[in-house]
Each structure stands twice: as structure tokens, then as C-alpha cells.
N, C-alpha and C. Protein backbone atom coordinates (compact mmCIF):
# COMPACT_ATOMS: atom_id res chain seq x y z
N MET A 1 -25.81 146.63 -130.09
CA MET A 1 -26.01 147.50 -131.32
C MET A 1 -25.78 148.92 -130.49
N PRO A 2 -24.91 149.84 -131.20
CA PRO A 2 -24.88 151.14 -130.54
C PRO A 2 -26.14 151.95 -130.13
N MET A 3 -26.45 152.75 -129.32
CA MET A 3 -27.63 153.57 -129.23
C MET A 3 -26.89 154.98 -129.53
N ILE A 4 -26.05 155.22 -129.65
CA ILE A 4 -25.27 156.28 -130.15
C ILE A 4 -24.24 155.87 -131.02
N GLU A 5 -24.23 156.15 -132.36
CA GLU A 5 -23.12 155.48 -133.13
C GLU A 5 -22.23 156.61 -133.57
N PRO A 6 -20.81 155.74 -133.44
CA PRO A 6 -19.63 156.41 -133.47
C PRO A 6 -19.65 157.08 -134.81
N LEU A 7 -19.26 158.41 -134.98
CA LEU A 7 -18.96 159.03 -136.05
C LEU A 7 -17.67 158.87 -137.21
N ALA A 8 -18.03 158.54 -138.34
CA ALA A 8 -16.70 158.42 -139.23
C ALA A 8 -15.99 159.90 -139.05
N PRO A 9 -14.69 159.88 -139.24
CA PRO A 9 -14.00 161.13 -139.42
C PRO A 9 -14.63 162.01 -140.67
N ALA A 10 -14.89 161.60 -141.40
CA ALA A 10 -15.44 162.33 -142.66
C ALA A 10 -16.80 163.10 -142.22
N ALA A 11 -17.31 162.58 -141.49
CA ALA A 11 -18.70 163.00 -141.04
C ALA A 11 -18.52 164.18 -139.86
N THR A 12 -17.31 164.53 -139.68
CA THR A 12 -16.96 165.67 -138.55
C THR A 12 -16.37 166.72 -139.30
N ASP A 13 -16.26 167.89 -138.36
CA ASP A 13 -15.75 169.11 -139.11
C ASP A 13 -14.14 168.76 -138.80
N ALA A 14 -13.81 169.82 -139.82
CA ALA A 14 -12.13 169.82 -140.09
C ALA A 14 -11.34 169.55 -138.92
N ALA A 15 -11.51 170.46 -137.78
CA ALA A 15 -10.87 170.24 -136.46
C ALA A 15 -10.93 168.94 -135.86
N THR A 16 -12.04 168.16 -135.85
CA THR A 16 -12.25 167.08 -135.15
C THR A 16 -11.94 165.99 -135.87
N ARG A 17 -11.84 166.06 -137.30
CA ARG A 17 -11.28 165.13 -138.25
C ARG A 17 -9.94 165.06 -137.75
N GLN A 18 -9.32 166.29 -137.80
CA GLN A 18 -8.01 166.46 -137.47
C GLN A 18 -7.36 165.71 -136.03
N THR A 19 -8.33 165.70 -135.06
CA THR A 19 -8.06 165.29 -133.68
C THR A 19 -7.96 163.75 -133.85
N LEU A 20 -9.11 163.54 -134.73
CA LEU A 20 -9.35 161.95 -134.83
C LEU A 20 -8.10 161.28 -135.53
N ASP A 21 -7.68 162.00 -136.70
CA ASP A 21 -6.34 161.41 -137.38
C ASP A 21 -5.34 161.20 -136.31
N ALA A 22 -5.10 162.31 -135.61
CA ALA A 22 -3.96 162.45 -134.63
C ALA A 22 -4.16 161.35 -133.63
N VAL A 23 -5.23 160.89 -133.26
CA VAL A 23 -5.62 159.64 -132.47
C VAL A 23 -5.18 158.37 -133.13
N ARG A 24 -5.66 158.32 -134.43
CA ARG A 24 -5.10 157.18 -135.40
C ARG A 24 -3.78 157.16 -135.49
N GLY A 25 -3.07 158.34 -135.64
CA GLY A 25 -1.64 158.24 -135.74
C GLY A 25 -0.80 157.79 -134.50
N LYS A 26 -1.41 158.16 -133.35
CA LYS A 26 -0.75 157.82 -132.08
C LYS A 26 -1.31 156.18 -131.60
N LEU A 27 -2.30 155.74 -131.73
CA LEU A 27 -2.68 154.63 -131.57
C LEU A 27 -2.94 153.54 -132.69
N GLY A 28 -2.81 154.02 -133.96
CA GLY A 28 -2.80 152.98 -134.77
C GLY A 28 -4.23 152.68 -135.32
N MET A 29 -5.42 153.27 -134.70
CA MET A 29 -6.45 153.17 -134.93
C MET A 29 -7.58 154.23 -134.15
N ILE A 30 -8.66 154.39 -134.44
CA ILE A 30 -9.61 155.32 -133.79
C ILE A 30 -10.56 154.36 -133.10
N PRO A 31 -10.52 154.50 -131.81
CA PRO A 31 -11.28 153.57 -131.16
C PRO A 31 -12.76 153.79 -130.99
N ASN A 32 -13.67 153.11 -130.84
CA ASN A 32 -14.84 153.52 -131.02
C ASN A 32 -15.39 154.51 -130.07
N LEU A 33 -14.91 154.63 -128.82
CA LEU A 33 -15.15 155.62 -127.80
C LEU A 33 -14.69 157.04 -128.29
N PHE A 34 -13.62 157.29 -128.98
CA PHE A 34 -13.23 158.26 -129.33
C PHE A 34 -14.18 158.88 -130.39
N SER A 35 -14.56 158.01 -131.39
CA SER A 35 -15.77 158.36 -132.58
C SER A 35 -16.91 158.55 -132.05
N THR A 36 -17.31 158.17 -130.76
CA THR A 36 -18.47 158.58 -129.95
C THR A 36 -18.24 159.72 -129.49
N LEU A 37 -17.25 160.02 -128.70
CA LEU A 37 -17.14 161.39 -128.25
C LEU A 37 -16.90 162.22 -129.14
N ALA A 38 -16.61 162.28 -130.19
CA ALA A 38 -16.63 163.10 -131.37
C ALA A 38 -17.89 163.85 -131.80
N HIS A 39 -19.08 163.31 -131.18
CA HIS A 39 -20.15 163.97 -131.55
C HIS A 39 -20.08 165.37 -130.84
N ALA A 40 -19.37 165.34 -129.68
CA ALA A 40 -19.56 166.67 -128.81
C ALA A 40 -17.74 167.04 -128.74
N PRO A 41 -17.36 167.73 -129.94
CA PRO A 41 -15.99 167.81 -129.91
C PRO A 41 -15.24 168.35 -128.72
N ALA A 42 -16.19 169.22 -127.85
CA ALA A 42 -15.52 169.72 -126.70
C ALA A 42 -15.42 168.82 -125.62
N ALA A 43 -16.16 167.75 -125.72
CA ALA A 43 -15.98 166.43 -124.49
C ALA A 43 -14.89 165.62 -125.19
N LEU A 44 -14.58 165.47 -126.52
CA LEU A 44 -13.40 164.51 -126.88
C LEU A 44 -12.30 165.51 -126.60
N ASN A 45 -12.14 166.73 -126.89
CA ASN A 45 -10.80 167.45 -126.75
C ASN A 45 -10.68 167.72 -125.04
N GLY A 46 -11.62 167.88 -124.28
CA GLY A 46 -11.61 167.74 -122.98
C GLY A 46 -10.95 166.54 -122.34
N TYR A 47 -11.41 165.25 -122.90
CA TYR A 47 -10.81 164.05 -122.64
C TYR A 47 -9.60 164.02 -122.76
N LEU A 48 -9.23 164.39 -123.94
CA LEU A 48 -7.56 164.20 -124.48
C LEU A 48 -6.65 165.09 -123.80
N ALA A 49 -7.30 166.24 -123.49
CA ALA A 49 -6.21 167.08 -122.98
C ALA A 49 -6.24 166.94 -121.55
N LEU A 50 -7.21 166.23 -120.92
CA LEU A 50 -6.91 165.84 -119.28
C LEU A 50 -6.24 164.50 -119.29
N THR A 51 -6.44 163.62 -120.24
CA THR A 51 -5.36 162.48 -120.45
C THR A 51 -4.03 162.81 -120.52
N ASP A 52 -3.70 163.83 -121.42
CA ASP A 52 -2.42 164.37 -121.70
C ASP A 52 -1.89 165.02 -120.46
N ALA A 53 -2.44 165.80 -119.91
CA ALA A 53 -2.01 166.29 -118.54
C ALA A 53 -1.83 165.26 -117.49
N LEU A 54 -2.66 164.55 -117.23
CA LEU A 54 -2.47 163.48 -116.25
C LEU A 54 -1.27 162.53 -116.34
N GLY A 55 -1.20 162.51 -117.86
CA GLY A 55 0.23 161.68 -118.24
C GLY A 55 1.63 162.22 -117.70
N SER A 56 1.50 163.42 -117.30
CA SER A 56 2.83 163.78 -116.74
C SER A 56 2.57 163.99 -115.28
N GLY A 57 1.88 163.25 -114.88
CA GLY A 57 1.57 163.51 -113.50
C GLY A 57 2.60 162.29 -112.53
N ARG A 58 2.32 162.10 -111.27
CA ARG A 58 3.15 161.30 -110.42
C ARG A 58 2.73 159.84 -110.71
N LEU A 59 1.70 159.49 -111.01
CA LEU A 59 1.18 157.97 -111.40
C LEU A 59 1.95 157.48 -112.53
N THR A 60 2.42 156.48 -112.28
CA THR A 60 3.18 155.60 -113.36
C THR A 60 1.96 155.06 -114.40
N ALA A 61 2.45 154.53 -115.62
CA ALA A 61 1.43 154.01 -116.54
C ALA A 61 0.90 153.06 -115.99
N VAL A 62 1.35 152.24 -115.34
CA VAL A 62 1.04 151.28 -114.82
C VAL A 62 -0.23 151.55 -113.45
N GLN A 63 0.24 152.47 -112.73
CA GLN A 63 -0.73 152.94 -111.59
C GLN A 63 -2.00 153.59 -112.34
N ARG A 64 -1.82 154.26 -113.54
CA ARG A 64 -3.00 154.88 -114.33
C ARG A 64 -3.97 153.88 -114.86
N GLU A 65 -3.41 152.65 -115.32
CA GLU A 65 -4.17 151.57 -115.44
C GLU A 65 -4.88 150.81 -114.43
N ILE A 66 -4.18 150.88 -113.36
CA ILE A 66 -4.64 150.09 -112.09
C ILE A 66 -5.99 150.99 -111.66
N VAL A 67 -5.98 152.29 -111.70
CA VAL A 67 -6.99 153.23 -111.63
C VAL A 67 -8.28 152.80 -112.83
N ALA A 68 -7.83 152.76 -113.99
CA ALA A 68 -8.96 152.61 -114.87
C ALA A 68 -9.62 151.22 -114.66
N LEU A 69 -8.70 150.32 -114.24
CA LEU A 69 -9.17 149.02 -114.31
C LEU A 69 -10.21 149.03 -112.90
N ALA A 70 -9.85 149.39 -111.80
CA ALA A 70 -10.60 149.53 -110.43
C ALA A 70 -12.09 150.06 -110.70
N VAL A 71 -12.03 151.11 -111.40
CA VAL A 71 -12.96 152.14 -111.64
C VAL A 71 -14.01 151.41 -112.76
N GLY A 72 -13.42 150.85 -113.83
CA GLY A 72 -13.98 150.09 -114.67
C GLY A 72 -14.87 148.90 -114.30
N GLN A 73 -14.23 148.04 -113.63
CA GLN A 73 -14.87 147.10 -112.63
C GLN A 73 -15.95 147.72 -111.91
N SER A 74 -15.71 148.64 -111.19
CA SER A 74 -16.87 149.20 -110.28
C SER A 74 -18.05 149.44 -110.94
N ASN A 75 -17.84 150.14 -112.07
CA ASN A 75 -18.78 150.59 -113.13
C ASN A 75 -19.08 149.65 -114.08
N ALA A 76 -18.97 148.14 -113.94
CA ALA A 76 -19.12 147.30 -114.84
C ALA A 76 -19.08 147.65 -116.26
N CYS A 77 -18.04 148.42 -116.70
CA CYS A 77 -17.85 148.99 -118.28
C CYS A 77 -17.12 147.84 -119.04
N HIS A 78 -17.68 147.30 -120.04
CA HIS A 78 -17.09 146.21 -120.64
C HIS A 78 -16.06 146.89 -121.64
N TYR A 79 -16.50 147.81 -122.13
CA TYR A 79 -15.53 148.62 -123.13
C TYR A 79 -14.36 149.00 -122.45
N CYS A 80 -14.26 149.62 -121.52
CA CYS A 80 -13.18 150.16 -120.60
C CYS A 80 -12.23 149.10 -120.02
N LEU A 81 -13.17 147.77 -119.45
CA LEU A 81 -12.17 146.66 -118.96
C LEU A 81 -11.54 146.18 -120.09
N SER A 82 -12.16 145.93 -121.05
CA SER A 82 -11.52 145.40 -122.56
C SER A 82 -10.38 146.32 -122.94
N ALA A 83 -10.57 147.53 -122.94
CA ALA A 83 -9.44 148.29 -123.60
C ALA A 83 -8.24 148.49 -122.38
N HIS A 84 -8.70 148.77 -121.15
CA HIS A 84 -7.72 148.90 -120.09
C HIS A 84 -6.71 147.57 -119.95
N THR A 85 -7.48 146.60 -120.04
CA THR A 85 -6.93 145.18 -119.99
C THR A 85 -5.75 145.10 -120.91
N MET A 86 -5.72 145.52 -122.07
CA MET A 86 -4.78 145.37 -123.12
C MET A 86 -3.80 146.43 -122.98
N LEU A 87 -4.23 147.82 -122.68
CA LEU A 87 -3.20 148.86 -122.37
C LEU A 87 -2.55 148.45 -120.90
N ALA A 88 -3.01 147.97 -120.10
CA ALA A 88 -2.20 147.49 -118.74
C ALA A 88 -1.18 146.54 -119.24
N ARG A 89 -1.47 146.03 -119.99
CA ARG A 89 -0.46 144.79 -120.50
C ARG A 89 0.86 145.43 -121.02
N HIS A 90 0.39 146.47 -122.03
CA HIS A 90 1.55 147.21 -122.78
C HIS A 90 2.24 147.99 -121.70
N ALA A 91 1.60 148.35 -120.80
CA ALA A 91 2.26 149.24 -119.63
C ALA A 91 3.10 148.41 -118.86
N GLY A 92 2.88 147.12 -118.93
CA GLY A 92 3.72 146.05 -117.80
C GLY A 92 3.03 145.59 -116.74
N LEU A 93 1.59 145.85 -116.74
CA LEU A 93 0.94 144.93 -115.66
C LEU A 93 0.61 143.59 -116.08
N ASP A 94 0.98 142.79 -115.23
CA ASP A 94 0.72 141.40 -115.83
C ASP A 94 -0.42 141.11 -115.44
N GLU A 95 -0.85 139.72 -115.88
CA GLU A 95 -2.23 139.18 -115.39
C GLU A 95 -2.84 139.07 -114.02
N ALA A 96 -1.89 138.95 -113.20
CA ALA A 96 -2.27 138.74 -111.78
C ALA A 96 -2.19 140.22 -111.41
N GLY A 97 -1.34 141.27 -111.87
CA GLY A 97 -1.82 142.47 -111.42
C GLY A 97 -3.09 143.31 -112.13
N THR A 98 -3.59 142.74 -112.85
CA THR A 98 -4.80 143.12 -113.70
C THR A 98 -5.69 142.67 -112.79
N ALA A 99 -5.61 141.33 -112.44
CA ALA A 99 -6.82 140.58 -111.44
C ALA A 99 -6.85 141.65 -110.28
N LEU A 100 -5.75 141.68 -109.50
CA LEU A 100 -5.89 142.66 -108.27
C LEU A 100 -6.53 144.02 -108.77
N ALA A 101 -6.19 144.65 -109.58
CA ALA A 101 -6.61 145.86 -109.89
C ALA A 101 -8.00 146.07 -109.94
N ARG A 102 -8.78 144.93 -110.83
CA ARG A 102 -10.35 144.78 -110.98
C ARG A 102 -10.86 144.56 -109.64
N GLN A 103 -10.04 143.88 -108.69
CA GLN A 103 -10.72 143.65 -107.44
C GLN A 103 -10.72 145.11 -106.36
N GLY A 104 -9.91 146.04 -106.91
CA GLY A 104 -9.76 147.22 -106.06
C GLY A 104 -8.51 147.01 -105.34
N ARG A 105 -7.59 146.34 -105.82
CA ARG A 105 -6.23 145.87 -104.83
C ARG A 105 -5.13 146.02 -105.62
N GLY A 106 -3.90 146.05 -105.20
CA GLY A 106 -2.63 146.17 -105.87
C GLY A 106 -1.50 145.27 -105.20
N ALA A 107 -0.31 145.03 -105.90
CA ALA A 107 0.48 144.23 -105.53
C ALA A 107 1.38 144.93 -104.42
N SER A 108 1.58 146.02 -104.57
CA SER A 108 2.61 146.78 -103.50
C SER A 108 1.58 147.59 -102.63
N THR A 109 2.15 148.07 -101.39
CA THR A 109 1.45 148.87 -100.61
C THR A 109 0.77 149.89 -101.04
N LEU A 110 1.29 150.73 -102.04
CA LEU A 110 1.10 151.91 -102.72
C LEU A 110 0.32 151.81 -103.92
N ASP A 111 0.24 150.76 -104.66
CA ASP A 111 -0.78 150.45 -105.83
C ASP A 111 -1.93 149.76 -105.03
N ASP A 112 -1.92 149.34 -103.98
CA ASP A 112 -2.99 148.86 -103.39
C ASP A 112 -3.71 149.99 -102.81
N ALA A 113 -3.12 150.82 -102.15
CA ALA A 113 -4.02 152.03 -101.83
C ALA A 113 -4.58 152.82 -103.02
N ILE A 114 -3.80 152.86 -104.02
CA ILE A 114 -4.50 153.48 -105.15
C ILE A 114 -5.56 152.72 -105.84
N ALA A 115 -5.59 151.68 -105.92
CA ALA A 115 -6.53 150.80 -106.34
C ALA A 115 -7.79 150.99 -105.47
N ARG A 116 -7.46 150.79 -104.29
CA ARG A 116 -8.47 150.86 -103.18
C ARG A 116 -9.35 152.17 -102.98
N PHE A 117 -8.73 153.19 -103.15
CA PHE A 117 -9.01 154.57 -103.00
C PHE A 117 -9.97 154.81 -104.49
N ALA A 118 -9.46 154.63 -105.44
CA ALA A 118 -10.25 154.68 -106.88
C ALA A 118 -11.60 153.86 -106.54
N ARG A 119 -11.57 152.68 -106.18
CA ARG A 119 -12.71 151.81 -105.77
C ARG A 119 -13.77 152.60 -104.96
N GLN A 120 -13.18 152.99 -103.77
CA GLN A 120 -14.03 153.63 -102.68
C GLN A 120 -14.56 154.71 -103.27
N VAL A 121 -13.85 155.39 -104.14
CA VAL A 121 -14.51 156.93 -104.61
C VAL A 121 -15.61 156.62 -105.37
N VAL A 122 -15.64 155.58 -106.36
CA VAL A 122 -16.49 155.31 -107.17
C VAL A 122 -17.94 154.80 -106.31
N GLU A 123 -17.45 153.70 -105.26
CA GLU A 123 -18.62 153.21 -104.86
C GLU A 123 -19.14 153.88 -103.74
N ALA A 124 -18.45 155.07 -103.03
CA ALA A 124 -18.89 155.72 -102.14
C ALA A 124 -19.30 157.27 -102.54
N ARG A 125 -19.17 157.13 -103.87
CA ARG A 125 -19.83 158.37 -104.52
C ARG A 125 -18.82 159.53 -104.01
N GLY A 126 -17.66 159.28 -103.79
CA GLY A 126 -16.74 160.53 -103.28
C GLY A 126 -16.78 160.87 -101.73
N ARG A 127 -17.59 160.13 -100.98
CA ARG A 127 -17.81 160.42 -99.61
C ARG A 127 -17.21 159.49 -98.69
N LEU A 128 -15.78 159.76 -98.44
CA LEU A 128 -15.03 158.52 -97.68
C LEU A 128 -14.76 159.37 -96.39
N SER A 129 -14.69 158.27 -95.29
CA SER A 129 -14.35 159.01 -93.76
C SER A 129 -13.16 159.34 -93.71
N PRO A 130 -13.12 160.10 -92.54
CA PRO A 130 -11.58 160.40 -91.92
C PRO A 130 -10.79 159.20 -91.83
N GLY A 131 -11.53 158.26 -91.56
CA GLY A 131 -10.61 157.07 -91.09
C GLY A 131 -10.12 156.48 -92.43
N ASP A 132 -11.07 156.39 -93.54
CA ASP A 132 -10.47 155.81 -94.83
C ASP A 132 -9.20 156.51 -95.28
N LEU A 133 -9.43 157.86 -95.35
CA LEU A 133 -8.34 158.84 -95.81
C LEU A 133 -7.18 158.55 -94.80
N GLY A 134 -7.26 158.42 -93.44
CA GLY A 134 -6.11 158.05 -92.71
C GLY A 134 -5.36 156.68 -93.04
N ALA A 135 -5.95 155.81 -93.39
CA ALA A 135 -5.66 154.56 -93.73
C ALA A 135 -4.65 154.73 -95.06
N LEU A 136 -5.53 155.41 -96.18
CA LEU A 136 -4.79 155.56 -97.25
C LEU A 136 -3.38 156.25 -97.18
N ARG A 137 -3.65 157.42 -96.20
CA ARG A 137 -2.44 158.08 -95.81
C ARG A 137 -1.10 157.33 -95.30
N ARG A 138 -1.40 156.36 -94.51
CA ARG A 138 -0.67 155.52 -93.73
C ARG A 138 -0.03 154.52 -94.95
N ASP A 139 -0.81 154.47 -95.97
CA ASP A 139 -0.30 153.51 -97.08
C ASP A 139 0.36 154.27 -98.11
N GLY A 140 0.68 155.65 -98.15
CA GLY A 140 1.54 156.18 -98.97
C GLY A 140 0.81 157.11 -99.59
N LEU A 141 -0.66 157.45 -99.66
CA LEU A 141 -1.26 158.37 -100.47
C LEU A 141 -1.08 159.83 -99.73
N ASP A 142 -0.36 160.64 -100.28
CA ASP A 142 -0.39 162.08 -99.71
C ASP A 142 -1.39 162.92 -100.32
N ASP A 143 -1.70 163.91 -100.00
CA ASP A 143 -2.74 164.77 -100.65
C ASP A 143 -2.74 164.95 -102.30
N ALA A 144 -1.39 165.21 -102.67
CA ALA A 144 -1.30 165.48 -103.97
C ALA A 144 -1.76 164.32 -104.92
N LEU A 145 -1.52 163.07 -104.40
CA LEU A 145 -1.79 161.64 -105.16
C LEU A 145 -3.15 161.46 -104.91
N MET A 146 -3.76 161.77 -103.98
CA MET A 146 -5.18 161.52 -103.72
C MET A 146 -6.00 162.59 -104.86
N ILE A 147 -5.67 163.53 -105.08
CA ILE A 147 -5.98 164.48 -105.98
C ILE A 147 -5.93 164.09 -107.48
N GLU A 148 -4.65 163.41 -107.58
CA GLU A 148 -4.39 163.15 -108.92
C GLU A 148 -5.26 161.77 -109.38
N VAL A 149 -5.42 160.85 -108.40
CA VAL A 149 -6.15 159.74 -108.44
C VAL A 149 -7.60 160.07 -108.69
N LEU A 150 -8.14 161.00 -107.85
CA LEU A 150 -9.29 161.73 -108.42
C LEU A 150 -9.55 162.06 -109.53
N ALA A 151 -8.68 162.60 -110.31
CA ALA A 151 -8.76 163.06 -111.54
C ALA A 151 -8.83 162.08 -112.56
N HIS A 152 -7.93 160.79 -112.35
CA HIS A 152 -8.25 159.85 -113.20
C HIS A 152 -9.62 159.13 -112.93
N VAL A 153 -9.89 159.08 -111.70
CA VAL A 153 -11.29 158.48 -111.28
C VAL A 153 -12.51 159.18 -112.26
N ALA A 154 -12.34 160.51 -112.29
CA ALA A 154 -13.44 161.24 -112.96
C ALA A 154 -13.23 161.09 -114.45
N LEU A 155 -11.89 161.00 -115.07
CA LEU A 155 -11.69 160.79 -116.51
C LEU A 155 -12.33 159.35 -117.12
N ASN A 156 -12.23 158.40 -115.95
CA ASN A 156 -12.49 156.87 -116.18
C ASN A 156 -14.11 156.83 -116.12
N VAL A 157 -14.63 157.60 -115.14
CA VAL A 157 -16.09 157.65 -115.02
C VAL A 157 -16.79 158.26 -116.38
N LEU A 158 -16.09 159.42 -116.80
CA LEU A 158 -16.70 160.09 -118.10
C LEU A 158 -16.88 158.67 -119.23
N THR A 159 -15.69 158.11 -119.40
CA THR A 159 -15.75 156.90 -120.43
C THR A 159 -16.53 156.00 -119.99
N ASN A 160 -16.60 155.41 -118.86
CA ASN A 160 -17.39 154.42 -118.53
C ASN A 160 -18.85 154.77 -118.76
N TYR A 161 -19.52 155.85 -118.23
CA TYR A 161 -20.73 156.30 -118.55
C TYR A 161 -21.21 156.53 -119.97
N THR A 162 -20.13 157.29 -120.72
CA THR A 162 -20.32 157.47 -122.12
C THR A 162 -20.55 155.93 -123.00
N ASN A 163 -19.72 154.94 -122.35
CA ASN A 163 -19.95 153.41 -123.26
C ASN A 163 -21.25 153.16 -122.63
N HIS A 164 -21.66 153.27 -121.40
CA HIS A 164 -23.05 152.49 -121.03
C HIS A 164 -24.08 153.32 -121.67
N ILE A 165 -24.18 154.53 -121.73
CA ILE A 165 -25.04 155.25 -122.51
C ILE A 165 -25.11 155.06 -124.02
N ALA A 166 -23.86 155.17 -124.59
CA ALA A 166 -23.69 154.98 -126.06
C ALA A 166 -23.92 153.61 -126.53
N GLY A 167 -23.68 152.55 -125.66
CA GLY A 167 -23.69 151.22 -126.11
C GLY A 167 -22.69 150.95 -127.09
N THR A 168 -21.48 151.55 -126.81
CA THR A 168 -20.34 151.36 -127.68
C THR A 168 -19.90 149.82 -127.84
N ASP A 169 -19.79 149.53 -129.17
CA ASP A 169 -18.98 148.30 -129.52
C ASP A 169 -17.46 148.29 -129.05
N VAL A 170 -17.48 147.03 -128.28
CA VAL A 170 -15.91 146.73 -127.96
C VAL A 170 -15.25 146.43 -129.07
N ASP A 171 -14.08 147.38 -129.36
CA ASP A 171 -13.08 147.11 -130.56
C ASP A 171 -11.84 146.71 -129.99
N PHE A 172 -11.50 146.26 -128.84
CA PHE A 172 -10.51 145.72 -128.19
C PHE A 172 -10.64 144.26 -127.95
N PRO A 173 -9.71 143.51 -127.69
CA PRO A 173 -10.11 142.19 -127.17
C PRO A 173 -10.80 142.01 -125.96
N SER A 174 -12.18 141.40 -126.33
CA SER A 174 -12.98 141.47 -125.21
C SER A 174 -12.61 140.69 -124.02
N VAL A 175 -12.90 141.12 -123.01
CA VAL A 175 -12.68 140.34 -121.45
C VAL A 175 -14.11 140.26 -120.77
N ALA A 176 -14.26 139.42 -119.94
CA ALA A 176 -15.55 139.17 -119.29
C ALA A 176 -15.63 140.25 -118.11
N VAL A 177 -16.81 140.91 -117.92
CA VAL A 177 -17.18 141.80 -116.72
C VAL A 177 -17.10 141.24 -115.28
């Protein structure tokens, strides 16, 4: 049972209702996470704006899902793991790749570095050693990619923690945590 109930679009102001309708138009549904973020329209709009901006970055759709899965597993977020397992499949990540991402690993050297970095950032609370960063650089993460991965980690921590605090009901095919 949710501790913060998702808002029905009709219960929001006109601008937020328009935002939620745009989400429905794009995704075919309004995920409970979005309806929960709608309690704070600035948070909902910030989330959507950062998601949109990062979508034009260097990380591929698959790599963005690898980050989401690594972070979601590190934070044991049932909602995000369920959502991003489905989204990863649609982006082209197979079941083996999804399992690797949840372990903080990837199939290629670069995907492995991305997943490892995302997981390390969460688990070390952003305090990585120069040796850790050197290993990531040797595996293909330049400074720009590190910053982009950090932005994705922050975005996913926001959703993970929102779901933990709100007790968001999973409205995607459920996966085990």
C-alpha cells in the first residue's frame, strides 16, 4: 500500500495535468512514479527535463538502462528494477545483459565500466579512489562519460528513493529484487 498515493491527473493543476497527459501520450500510460512525483510539479518537471536532456547524451539507450539497473539493484528498488527490466528489453538489452547490469557488470569493456562505475558511485556514496577512476579510464570512461553517468545515477537515485519513501505500487511486470 502506498505511503504517498499517486495523484489522478484530474486532482492536479492544469499544467501538471498537461504534463501527465503528455507522459500518457508518449508511454501509453502514466506510471505510478510519475503520478507520485506530480505531488511536486517542480520535481516531476525536473525529472522529465533531465531525462530528456540526458537522452541526447553519449550513452546509448542500452547503456542508460544498464545504469538504471545497476543503481536500482544497489538501492534494492523493486519498482525501478521492474520498470527498467522492461525498458531495457525494449532498448535491446537481452536477459543476460540485464542480469549482468544488475550485478554492476556489462558484456563489453565499456558497458562493464559504465555499470561498475554506477554501482561504485552508489555504494561508495560518490567517494571513489584515484585508482578506481584510473581503472575506469583504462576501460574507456573519459571525464565526459563519467559526468554523464553521474547524472544518470542522480536521476535514478531520485526515483529509487521516491519509490522507497512513497511505497509506489509496481505497475510494470514485476521482477525479483
